Protein backbone atom coordinates (compact mmCIF):
# COMPACT_ATOMS: atom_id res chain seq x y z
CA MET A 1 -11.54 -17.35 13.65
CA PHE A 2 -9.05 -15.72 16.12
CA ARG A 3 -6.43 -15.92 13.23
CA SER A 4 -8.96 -14.79 10.66
CA LEU A 5 -8.74 -11.20 8.62
CA ARG A 6 -12.17 -10.96 9.29
CA PHE A 7 -11.39 -10.87 13.39
CA ARG A 8 -8.24 -9.72 12.98
CA LEU A 9 -8.85 -6.20 11.40
CA PRO A 10 -11.60 -4.80 13.58
CA ALA A 11 -9.49 -6.83 16.52
CA LEU A 12 -6.23 -4.06 15.56
CA PHE A 13 -8.67 -1.39 14.60
CA LEU A 14 -10.20 -1.46 18.41
CA ALA A 15 -7.03 -1.83 20.05
CA GLY A 16 -5.85 1.14 18.55
CA ILE A 17 -9.21 3.23 19.61
CA VAL A 18 -8.63 1.79 23.04
CA LEU A 19 -5.11 2.75 22.88
CA THR A 20 -5.41 6.20 22.00
CA GLY A 21 -8.78 6.33 24.25
CA VAL A 22 -6.60 5.53 27.43
CA LEU A 23 -3.74 7.97 26.26
CA ALA A 24 -6.15 11.05 25.82
CA ALA A 25 -8.04 10.29 28.93
CA ALA A 26 -4.97 10.06 31.08
CA ILE A 27 -3.35 13.02 29.59
CA ALA A 28 -7.21 14.80 30.27
CA PHE A 29 -7.41 13.26 34.19
CA GLY A 30 -3.90 14.76 34.40
CA LEU A 31 -4.73 17.94 32.85
CA PHE A 32 -8.22 18.21 34.83
CA GLN A 33 -6.72 17.36 37.82
CA ASN A 34 -3.93 20.25 37.72
CA TYR A 35 -6.66 22.50 36.38
CA THR A 36 -8.73 21.17 39.40
CA GLN A 37 -6.29 21.66 41.95
CA ASP A 38 -4.95 25.75 40.75
CA GLN A 39 -8.67 26.38 40.96
CA ALA A 40 -8.97 25.73 44.64
CA ARG A 41 -6.37 27.34 45.17
CA ARG A 42 -7.27 30.49 43.45
CA GLU A 43 -10.56 30.05 45.21
CA LEU A 44 -9.46 29.24 48.43
CA ARG A 45 -7.02 32.64 48.11
CA GLN A 46 -10.00 34.71 47.30
CA GLU A 47 -12.31 33.28 49.65
CA ALA A 48 -9.38 33.68 52.59
CA ALA A 49 -8.78 37.17 51.41
CA GLY A 50 -12.40 38.44 51.43
CA LEU A 51 -13.64 36.62 54.68
CA THR A 52 -10.24 37.92 56.73
CA GLN A 53 -11.43 41.50 55.61
CA LEU A 54 -14.51 40.83 56.78
CA TYR A 55 -13.26 39.42 60.23
CA ALA A 56 -10.67 42.18 60.31
CA ASP A 57 -13.61 44.83 59.85
CA GLN A 58 -16.41 43.22 62.31
CA ALA A 59 -13.42 43.06 65.24
CA ILE A 60 -12.21 46.56 64.71
CA LYS A 61 -16.16 47.72 64.81
CA SER A 62 -17.00 45.16 67.77
CA GLN A 63 -13.71 47.04 69.70
CA GLU A 64 -14.92 50.37 68.81
CA GLN A 65 -18.51 49.96 70.04
CA ASN A 66 -17.88 46.93 72.57
CA LYS A 67 -20.79 44.80 70.57
CA PRO A 68 -20.37 41.26 70.29
CA PRO A 69 -20.46 40.38 66.58
CA PRO A 70 -23.70 39.72 64.72
CA SER A 71 -25.16 35.84 64.82
CA PHE A 72 -25.00 35.53 61.35
CA PHE A 73 -21.41 36.37 61.57
CA ALA A 74 -20.94 32.92 63.19
CA ALA A 75 -18.56 30.49 61.42
CA LYS A 76 -20.74 27.95 60.89
CA SER A 77 -22.79 30.15 58.94
CA LEU A 78 -19.98 31.04 57.15
CA GLU A 79 -18.59 27.73 56.53
CA ALA A 80 -22.12 26.76 55.38
CA ALA A 81 -22.50 29.57 52.63
CA SER A 82 -18.94 28.75 51.17
CA GLY A 83 -18.82 25.17 51.45
CA ASP A 84 -15.08 25.17 52.87
CA ARG A 85 -14.25 24.69 56.63
CA LEU A 86 -12.96 27.66 58.76
CA PHE A 87 -9.72 27.60 61.39
CA TYR A 88 -7.84 30.22 62.80
CA VAL A 89 -4.65 30.32 64.30
CA GLY A 90 -2.97 33.04 66.39
CA LEU A 91 -4.12 36.03 69.00
CA PRO A 92 -7.92 36.09 70.14
CA PHE A 93 -9.15 39.49 68.02
CA PHE A 94 -12.54 40.02 69.29
CA SER A 95 -12.25 42.21 72.59
CA GLY A 96 -13.01 39.58 75.38
CA GLN A 97 -15.77 38.10 72.84
CA GLN A 98 -15.51 34.41 70.76
CA SER A 99 -14.86 34.66 67.02
CA GLY A 100 -16.45 30.97 66.61
CA LEU A 101 -13.60 30.01 64.49
CA LYS A 102 -12.36 26.34 65.27
CA THR A 103 -8.90 27.33 66.99
CA LEU A 104 -5.49 25.70 65.54
CA PRO A 105 -2.87 25.38 67.40
CA GLN A 106 -0.02 27.60 67.54
CA ASN A 107 2.28 25.96 65.53
CA THR A 108 0.32 25.15 62.59
CA ILE A 109 2.06 27.27 60.78
CA ASP A 110 4.54 30.38 61.36
CA TRP A 111 1.62 33.24 61.01
CA LYS A 112 3.55 35.47 62.46
CA GLN A 113 5.22 36.28 58.90
CA GLY A 114 2.32 37.95 57.83
CA LYS A 115 2.33 36.52 54.59
CA VAL A 116 -0.20 34.12 52.67
CA ILE A 117 0.65 30.52 53.41
CA GLU A 118 -0.50 27.30 51.19
CA PHE A 119 -0.28 23.88 52.98
CA ARG A 120 -1.84 20.68 53.53
CA PHE A 121 -2.95 19.70 56.76
CA VAL A 122 -5.12 17.29 59.02
CA PRO A 123 -7.25 19.00 61.56
CA PRO A 124 -7.27 17.78 65.24
CA GLY A 125 -10.28 15.11 65.27
CA GLU A 126 -10.25 14.59 61.64
CA LYS A 127 -8.75 11.79 59.47
CA LYS A 128 -9.18 13.98 56.17
CA THR A 129 -6.23 15.95 54.40
CA PHE A 130 -6.98 19.69 53.81
CA LEU A 131 -5.85 21.71 51.32
CA ALA A 132 -5.55 24.87 52.93
CA VAL A 133 -4.81 28.72 52.39
CA ALA A 134 -3.56 30.87 55.29
CA TYR A 135 -4.14 34.51 55.18
CA PRO A 136 -2.76 36.97 57.58
CA LEU A 137 -5.39 39.27 60.16
CA PHE A 138 -4.24 42.84 60.72
CA LEU A 139 -6.29 44.97 62.97
CA GLU A 140 -4.29 48.88 61.65
CA LYS A 141 -7.04 50.16 60.50
CA GLY A 142 -6.08 51.25 56.98
CA ALA A 143 -2.50 48.70 56.88
CA PRO A 144 -2.75 47.24 54.21
CA PRO A 145 -2.24 43.26 54.85
CA SER A 146 0.92 43.06 53.72
CA SER A 147 2.57 46.08 55.37
CA GLU A 148 5.95 45.49 57.32
CA PRO A 149 5.25 47.44 60.34
CA ALA A 150 2.19 46.48 61.94
CA LEU A 151 2.46 42.34 63.47
CA PRO A 152 -0.84 40.21 62.39
CA PHE A 153 -3.21 38.97 65.08
CA GLY A 154 -2.76 35.82 63.46
CA SER A 155 -4.09 33.60 60.47
CA LEU A 156 -7.75 33.06 58.97
CA ILE A 157 -7.43 29.60 57.40
CA VAL A 158 -9.86 28.53 54.70
CA ALA A 159 -9.55 24.46 54.04
CA THR A 160 -11.18 22.01 51.62
CA ALA A 161 -11.01 18.44 51.84
CA GLN A 162 -8.96 16.73 49.13
CA THR A 163 -11.31 14.11 49.16
CA GLU A 164 -13.87 16.67 47.61
CA LEU A 165 -11.24 17.09 44.80
CA ARG A 166 -10.64 13.45 44.11
CA ASP A 167 -14.52 13.12 43.75
CA ARG A 168 -14.36 15.62 41.20
CA LEU A 169 -11.86 13.40 39.02
CA VAL A 170 -13.54 10.13 40.23
CA THR A 171 -16.80 11.74 38.40
CA LEU A 172 -14.81 13.02 35.27
CA TYR A 173 -13.09 9.77 35.40
CA GLU A 174 -16.46 7.60 34.99
CA ARG A 175 -18.06 9.81 32.28
CA LEU A 176 -14.42 9.71 30.62
CA ALA A 177 -14.87 5.75 30.57
CA LEU A 178 -18.31 5.89 29.64
CA ALA A 179 -17.84 7.74 26.59
CA LEU A 180 -14.87 5.32 25.81
CA LEU A 181 -16.76 2.31 26.37
CA VAL A 182 -19.77 3.83 24.50
CA GLY A 183 -17.01 4.67 21.65
CA VAL A 184 -15.60 1.65 21.72
CA LEU A 185 -19.17 -0.32 21.05
CA VAL A 186 -19.78 2.22 18.21
CA SER A 187 -16.59 1.67 16.91
CA ALA A 188 -16.95 -2.14 17.00
CA GLY A 189 -19.80 -2.32 15.45
CA LEU A 190 -18.59 -0.16 12.34
CA ALA A 191 -15.31 -1.67 12.43
CA TRP A 192 -17.18 -5.15 11.86
CA TYR A 193 -19.49 -4.00 9.66
CA LEU A 194 -16.71 -2.85 7.33
CA SER A 195 -14.13 -5.74 7.77
CA GLY A 196 -16.66 -7.85 6.30
CA ARG A 197 -17.44 -5.74 3.95
CA LEU A 198 -13.43 -5.74 2.71
CA THR A 199 -13.05 -9.44 3.43
CA ARG A 200 -16.01 -10.67 1.99
CA PRO A 201 -14.70 -10.24 -1.60
CA VAL A 202 -10.93 -11.41 -0.04
CA ARG A 203 -12.80 -15.12 1.04
CA ARG A 204 -14.55 -15.16 -2.33
CA LEU A 205 -11.30 -14.43 -4.27
CA ALA A 206 -9.65 -17.24 -2.18
CA GLN A 207 -12.03 -19.79 -3.21
CA ALA A 208 -12.03 -18.66 -6.83
CA ALA A 209 -8.14 -19.30 -6.53
CA ASP A 210 -8.72 -22.69 -5.29
CA GLU A 211 -10.33 -23.66 -8.32
CA VAL A 212 -7.93 -22.28 -10.44
CA ALA A 213 -5.51 -24.51 -8.67
CA GLU A 214 -7.55 -27.33 -9.40
CA GLY A 215 -7.25 -26.49 -12.97
CA ARG A 216 -10.68 -24.96 -13.32
CA TYR A 217 -9.60 -21.75 -15.36
CA ASP A 218 -13.41 -21.10 -16.10
CA THR A 219 -14.41 -19.69 -12.50
CA GLN A 220 -16.20 -17.14 -12.18
CA VAL A 221 -14.52 -14.08 -10.43
CA PRO A 222 -15.99 -12.06 -7.73
CA GLN A 223 -17.11 -8.40 -9.51
CA VAL A 224 -15.68 -5.91 -6.88
CA SER A 225 -16.94 -2.22 -7.36
CA GLY A 226 -15.01 0.93 -7.16
CA ARG A 227 -11.28 1.95 -7.48
CA SER A 228 -9.90 -0.23 -3.93
CA GLU A 229 -6.87 -2.41 -3.85
CA ILE A 230 -9.42 -5.34 -3.78
CA ALA A 231 -10.73 -4.34 -6.68
CA ASP A 232 -7.70 -3.93 -8.41
CA LEU A 233 -6.79 -7.51 -7.36
CA ALA A 234 -9.94 -9.27 -8.15
CA ASN A 235 -9.22 -7.45 -11.58
CA SER A 236 -5.67 -8.72 -12.03
CA PHE A 237 -7.06 -12.19 -11.28
CA ARG A 238 -9.55 -12.10 -13.23
CA GLN A 239 -7.02 -11.05 -16.18
CA MET A 240 -4.97 -13.94 -14.85
CA THR A 241 -7.48 -16.78 -14.99
CA GLU A 242 -7.93 -15.49 -18.77
CA ARG A 243 -4.68 -15.80 -19.72
CA LEU A 244 -4.34 -19.36 -17.70
CA SER A 245 -7.49 -20.47 -19.71
CA GLU A 246 -5.84 -19.20 -22.75
CA ALA A 247 -2.65 -20.52 -22.17
CA GLU A 248 -4.63 -23.72 -21.65
CA GLU A 249 -6.28 -23.38 -24.83
CA LEU A 250 -3.10 -22.75 -26.44
CA GLU A 251 -1.00 -25.38 -25.10
CA ARG A 252 -3.83 -28.03 -26.97
CA ASN A 253 -3.81 -26.39 -29.83
CA PHE A 254 -0.14 -26.30 -29.91
CA LEU A 255 0.16 -30.21 -28.67
CA MET A 256 -2.51 -31.07 -31.90
CA THR A 257 -0.64 -28.80 -34.20
CA VAL A 258 2.78 -29.93 -32.94
CA SER A 259 1.65 -34.03 -33.45
CA HIS A 260 0.42 -32.48 -36.77
CA GLU A 261 3.21 -31.46 -38.06
CA LEU A 262 5.33 -34.33 -36.50
CA ARG A 263 3.00 -36.87 -38.06
CA THR A 264 2.67 -35.13 -42.06
CA PRO A 265 6.96 -35.60 -42.53
CA LEU A 266 7.17 -38.64 -40.24
CA THR A 267 4.49 -40.62 -42.41
CA ALA A 268 6.26 -38.92 -46.29
CA ILE A 269 9.66 -40.26 -44.90
CA ARG A 270 8.34 -43.43 -43.67
CA GLY A 271 6.40 -43.88 -46.93
CA HIS A 272 9.73 -43.36 -48.41
CA VAL A 273 12.34 -45.24 -46.29
CA GLU A 274 9.34 -48.47 -47.26
CA ALA A 275 9.71 -47.83 -50.56
CA LEU A 276 13.08 -47.94 -50.89
CA ARG A 277 13.70 -50.80 -48.40
CA GLU A 278 11.40 -53.21 -50.18
CA GLY A 279 12.89 -51.85 -53.73
CA LEU A 280 9.82 -50.23 -54.94
CA ALA A 281 12.23 -47.13 -55.90
CA GLU A 282 14.70 -49.18 -58.50
CA ASP A 283 14.94 -46.13 -60.90
CA PRO A 284 17.80 -43.70 -60.09
CA GLU A 285 15.30 -40.83 -60.40
CA ALA A 286 12.89 -42.33 -58.24
CA ARG A 287 15.27 -43.14 -55.58
CA SER A 288 16.62 -39.55 -55.68
CA ALA A 289 13.50 -38.01 -55.80
CA SER A 290 12.75 -39.94 -52.60
CA ILE A 291 15.86 -39.25 -50.65
CA GLU A 292 15.39 -35.61 -51.54
CA VAL A 293 11.63 -35.86 -49.68
CA ILE A 294 13.59 -37.53 -46.89
CA ALA A 295 16.26 -34.52 -46.88
CA ALA A 296 13.47 -31.97 -46.71
CA GLU A 297 10.73 -33.99 -44.30
CA ALA A 298 13.67 -34.17 -41.85
CA GLY A 299 14.97 -30.60 -42.55
CA ARG A 300 11.53 -29.48 -41.49
CA LEU A 301 11.50 -31.69 -38.47
CA GLU A 302 14.62 -30.19 -37.20
CA ARG A 303 13.15 -26.72 -37.66
CA LEU A 304 10.15 -27.63 -35.48
CA VAL A 305 12.22 -29.06 -33.12
CA GLY A 306 14.96 -26.53 -32.90
CA ASP A 307 12.01 -23.51 -32.60
CA VAL A 308 11.01 -25.69 -29.67
CA LEU A 309 14.10 -25.77 -28.04
CA ASP A 310 15.00 -22.35 -28.15
CA LEU A 311 11.49 -21.12 -26.74
CA ALA A 312 12.20 -23.11 -23.86
CA LYS A 313 16.14 -21.72 -23.33
CA LEU A 314 14.45 -19.11 -23.60
CA ASP A 315 12.24 -18.98 -20.98
CA MET A 316 15.20 -20.55 -18.65
CA SER A 317 17.36 -18.17 -19.88
CA ARG A 318 19.71 -20.99 -20.59
CA PHE A 319 20.58 -19.53 -24.12
CA THR A 320 24.13 -18.02 -24.76
CA VAL A 321 24.53 -14.69 -26.55
CA ARG A 322 28.41 -14.13 -28.11
CA HIS A 323 29.71 -10.83 -28.48
CA GLU A 324 31.22 -9.87 -31.35
CA GLU A 325 31.37 -7.74 -34.69
CA VAL A 326 28.63 -7.93 -36.76
CA ASP A 327 28.37 -6.40 -40.51
CA MET A 328 24.59 -5.57 -40.81
CA ALA A 329 24.42 -5.11 -44.68
CA ARG A 330 26.29 -8.26 -45.20
CA LEU A 331 23.55 -9.90 -42.74
CA LEU A 332 20.81 -8.58 -44.81
CA ASP A 333 21.79 -9.73 -47.83
CA GLN A 334 22.37 -13.52 -46.39
CA ALA A 335 18.76 -12.74 -44.77
CA TYR A 336 16.91 -11.58 -48.16
CA ALA A 337 18.52 -13.85 -50.27
CA ALA A 338 17.10 -16.86 -48.39
CA PHE A 339 13.47 -15.82 -49.51
CA GLY A 340 14.73 -14.97 -52.88
CA GLU A 341 13.43 -18.09 -55.07
CA GLU A 342 10.28 -18.40 -52.81
CA ALA A 343 9.47 -14.79 -53.99
CA LYS A 344 10.05 -15.65 -57.68
CA GLN A 345 7.77 -18.86 -57.35
CA ARG A 346 4.90 -16.90 -55.77
CA ASP A 347 5.24 -13.86 -57.79
CA ILE A 348 6.20 -11.67 -54.94
CA VAL A 349 7.75 -8.05 -55.47
CA TYR A 350 10.65 -8.44 -52.97
CA SER A 351 12.64 -5.44 -52.71
CA GLN A 352 15.96 -4.60 -50.10
CA GLU A 353 17.18 -1.24 -49.23
CA VAL A 354 20.01 -0.96 -46.87
CA SER A 355 20.78 3.15 -45.94
CA ALA A 356 23.28 2.75 -43.52
CA GLU A 357 26.31 0.94 -43.28
CA ALA A 358 25.93 -0.49 -39.52
CA VAL A 359 28.62 -2.46 -37.68
CA ILE A 360 27.51 -3.66 -34.35
CA VAL A 361 28.52 -5.63 -30.93
CA SER A 362 25.85 -8.24 -31.09
CA ASP A 363 25.22 -11.86 -31.80
CA GLY A 364 25.21 -12.71 -35.45
CA ASP A 365 23.30 -15.66 -35.36
CA ARG A 366 20.99 -14.76 -33.04
CA VAL A 367 20.22 -11.71 -34.99
CA LEU A 368 19.82 -13.27 -38.22
CA GLN A 369 17.52 -15.93 -36.99
CA ILE A 370 15.18 -12.18 -35.94
CA ILE A 371 15.22 -11.42 -39.02
CA SER A 372 15.05 -14.50 -40.66
CA ASN A 373 11.88 -15.09 -38.76
CA LEU A 374 9.87 -11.64 -39.24
CA LEU A 375 10.58 -12.55 -43.30
CA ALA A 376 9.10 -16.02 -42.57
CA ASN A 377 6.31 -13.99 -41.16
CA ALA A 378 5.59 -11.68 -44.16
CA PHE A 379 5.77 -14.53 -46.79
CA ARG A 380 3.28 -16.72 -45.09
CA TRP A 381 0.75 -13.85 -44.79
CA THR A 382 1.31 -12.07 -48.13
CA PRO A 383 -0.47 -13.42 -50.72
CA ASP A 384 1.00 -14.08 -54.21
CA GLY A 385 1.48 -11.10 -56.02
CA GLY A 386 2.13 -9.17 -52.93
CA ARG A 387 4.96 -7.69 -52.29
CA VAL A 388 7.55 -7.77 -49.12
CA ASP A 389 10.00 -4.93 -48.10
CA LEU A 390 13.59 -5.53 -46.43
CA SER A 391 15.28 -1.83 -45.09
CA LEU A 392 18.08 -1.46 -42.92
CA SER A 393 18.62 2.31 -41.54
CA ALA A 394 20.78 3.50 -38.52
CA GLU A 395 19.78 6.44 -36.37
CA ASN A 396 20.60 7.89 -32.66
CA GLY A 397 22.99 4.91 -31.82
CA GLN A 398 20.20 2.70 -33.13
CA ILE A 399 19.83 0.41 -36.52
CA HIS A 400 16.28 -0.40 -37.49
CA VAL A 401 15.50 -3.59 -39.60
CA ALA A 402 11.97 -3.24 -40.90
CA VAL A 403 10.30 -5.33 -42.81
CA GLU A 404 6.70 -4.12 -44.79
CA ASP A 405 4.32 -6.38 -45.79
CA THR A 406 0.54 -6.35 -48.04
CA GLY A 407 -0.89 -8.71 -46.14
CA PRO A 408 -4.16 -8.35 -45.00
CA GLY A 409 -2.80 -6.78 -41.56
CA ILE A 410 -3.36 -7.47 -38.32
CA GLY A 411 -5.90 -6.30 -35.75
CA LEU A 412 -5.60 -3.73 -32.78
CA GLU A 413 -6.74 -6.75 -30.42
CA ASP A 414 -4.37 -9.36 -31.77
CA GLN A 415 -0.97 -7.14 -31.78
CA GLU A 416 -0.18 -8.42 -28.65
CA ARG A 417 -1.47 -11.91 -29.24
CA ILE A 418 0.89 -12.61 -32.06
CA PHE A 419 3.80 -12.71 -29.73
CA ARG A 420 2.62 -15.03 -27.63
CA PRO A 421 3.98 -18.73 -28.12
CA PHE A 422 1.71 -21.15 -29.74
CA TRP A 423 -1.02 -18.47 -30.92
CA THR A 424 -1.76 -18.32 -34.47
CA HIS A 425 -4.79 -16.13 -36.38
CA ASP A 426 -5.90 -18.85 -38.46
CA GLY A 427 -5.25 -21.73 -36.21
CA LYS A 428 -2.13 -23.32 -38.26
CA GLY A 429 1.47 -23.52 -37.61
CA THR A 430 3.16 -23.41 -34.16
CA GLY A 431 3.27 -19.85 -33.57
CA LEU A 432 6.92 -19.93 -32.37
CA GLY A 433 8.54 -17.84 -34.91
CA LEU A 434 7.36 -13.92 -33.83
CA ALA A 435 7.60 -15.47 -30.34
CA ILE A 436 11.01 -16.21 -30.41
CA ALA A 437 12.10 -13.13 -32.07
CA ARG A 438 10.62 -10.80 -29.61
CA GLU A 439 12.44 -13.00 -26.67
CA LEU A 440 15.52 -12.83 -28.51
CA ALA A 441 15.46 -8.95 -29.61
CA LEU A 442 14.84 -8.28 -25.40
CA ALA A 443 17.93 -10.92 -24.85
CA LEU A 444 19.99 -8.88 -26.95
CA GLY A 445 19.04 -5.78 -25.58
CA GLY A 446 16.36 -4.76 -28.32
CA ARG A 447 12.98 -4.66 -29.09
CA ILE A 448 10.56 -5.25 -32.09
CA GLU A 449 7.65 -2.41 -32.83
CA LEU A 450 4.86 -3.48 -34.92
CA ASP A 451 2.21 -0.78 -36.77
CA SER A 452 -0.27 -2.50 -38.34
CA GLU A 453 -4.16 -1.89 -39.32
CA LEU A 454 -6.23 -4.49 -41.61
CA GLY A 455 -6.33 -3.86 -44.75
CA ARG A 456 -2.97 -2.06 -45.31
CA GLY A 457 -0.48 -4.57 -44.24
CA SER A 458 1.75 -4.72 -41.82
CA ARG A 459 5.22 -3.45 -40.72
CA PHE A 460 7.82 -5.32 -38.27
CA GLU A 461 10.92 -3.12 -37.49
CA PHE A 462 13.58 -4.59 -35.09
CA VAL A 463 15.15 -1.75 -33.20
CA LEU A 464 18.98 -2.72 -31.47
CA PRO A 465 21.44 -0.68 -29.98
CA VAL A 466 25.15 -0.22 -32.13
CA GLN A 467 26.53 -1.74 -29.41
CA ARG A 468 24.84 -3.95 -26.05
CA SER A 469 25.40 -2.61 -22.86
């Protein structure tokens, strides 16, 4: 289970979310910590400045009136109102009276400088560290706190325990952790649901692939809606199974066709050989006729075996291509002449047109084989009394050999299939001619183009560069 895609997808997804959340929380924690401390310092400064001014004003008033400060002005009341601790370091500033402030040792800070001081300390009798701001106390009426001539009586210290700041951070940390936990749980549910939707068709495709691997090409490939990569994979897999099923059907048809094609000439050869062996064909003309039949059928067998071997060599890329100068006009004459007799016997109008004297660098035998295969296909499908045209032209550094017939034409859905090995439109023949022609054309650096419609014949055009790169 832990190695399955269903588990690994949400696990990786959650790991990314957790890592991102932890980093974001750490950054937020650090920023909030700095903000809290800065805010605490500002508040302590403001509070220290205000309280120092209040104590200074009250001390001056008490000295002028020779009265003690009011009871509500006691340090404990101010601490309760502000939430901070108040301390004092320096000389007594209430004439004959106690200020109520907890006094710190003189050496706690250098209060005689008359400056605002930020520091941390542990008050006497305490165990906690306090963040404190010491503000100078002046009793010169009308003199600013920072005036140099006057000396401060001391410094009023406003302090807050650092544990309170930590409590704020802990509260933030707890809330961030709770938010992260909720986010992880929600994301886990969503990731598990989405991974199920993603992996379900993949598992079904895997099951279908296992069945196809066992040879069951009629396996139903699951339909995947949408335009996702998995939908594309399912469509490609479906096309593959269809092609495999078709290839298996073509292979069976090929074996049946080849068996038939081999059996027919072998039966004829065997019959005439038996007749010659038993002396049944003693007449010279009969013997000559038997020998001609044997030679013709042997040639037929040789062509069939040659086609199969050529296709096997093309599939395995084990055939050789020569580089020689080829006179295309002469080669066209040779290919044209090979079908002249068949055209006469079937009353087919057979024409040749050469509009360019082209000499190319290629393999002449392979080029002749391609043109001959195209002509053989044209004569096979052209009815008696029809027309077959062979032409040669040159344009833009390429030669064009066109074979046009007046056969039944080829439907759009079959124009790709006819170039597949063993496929024939009528189920007759081996279906190797056009397949070999196209593979040879590609091997020579060229191509075969087809222009055909049902009812108006077909035009095959062999395009080849003048000099193969």
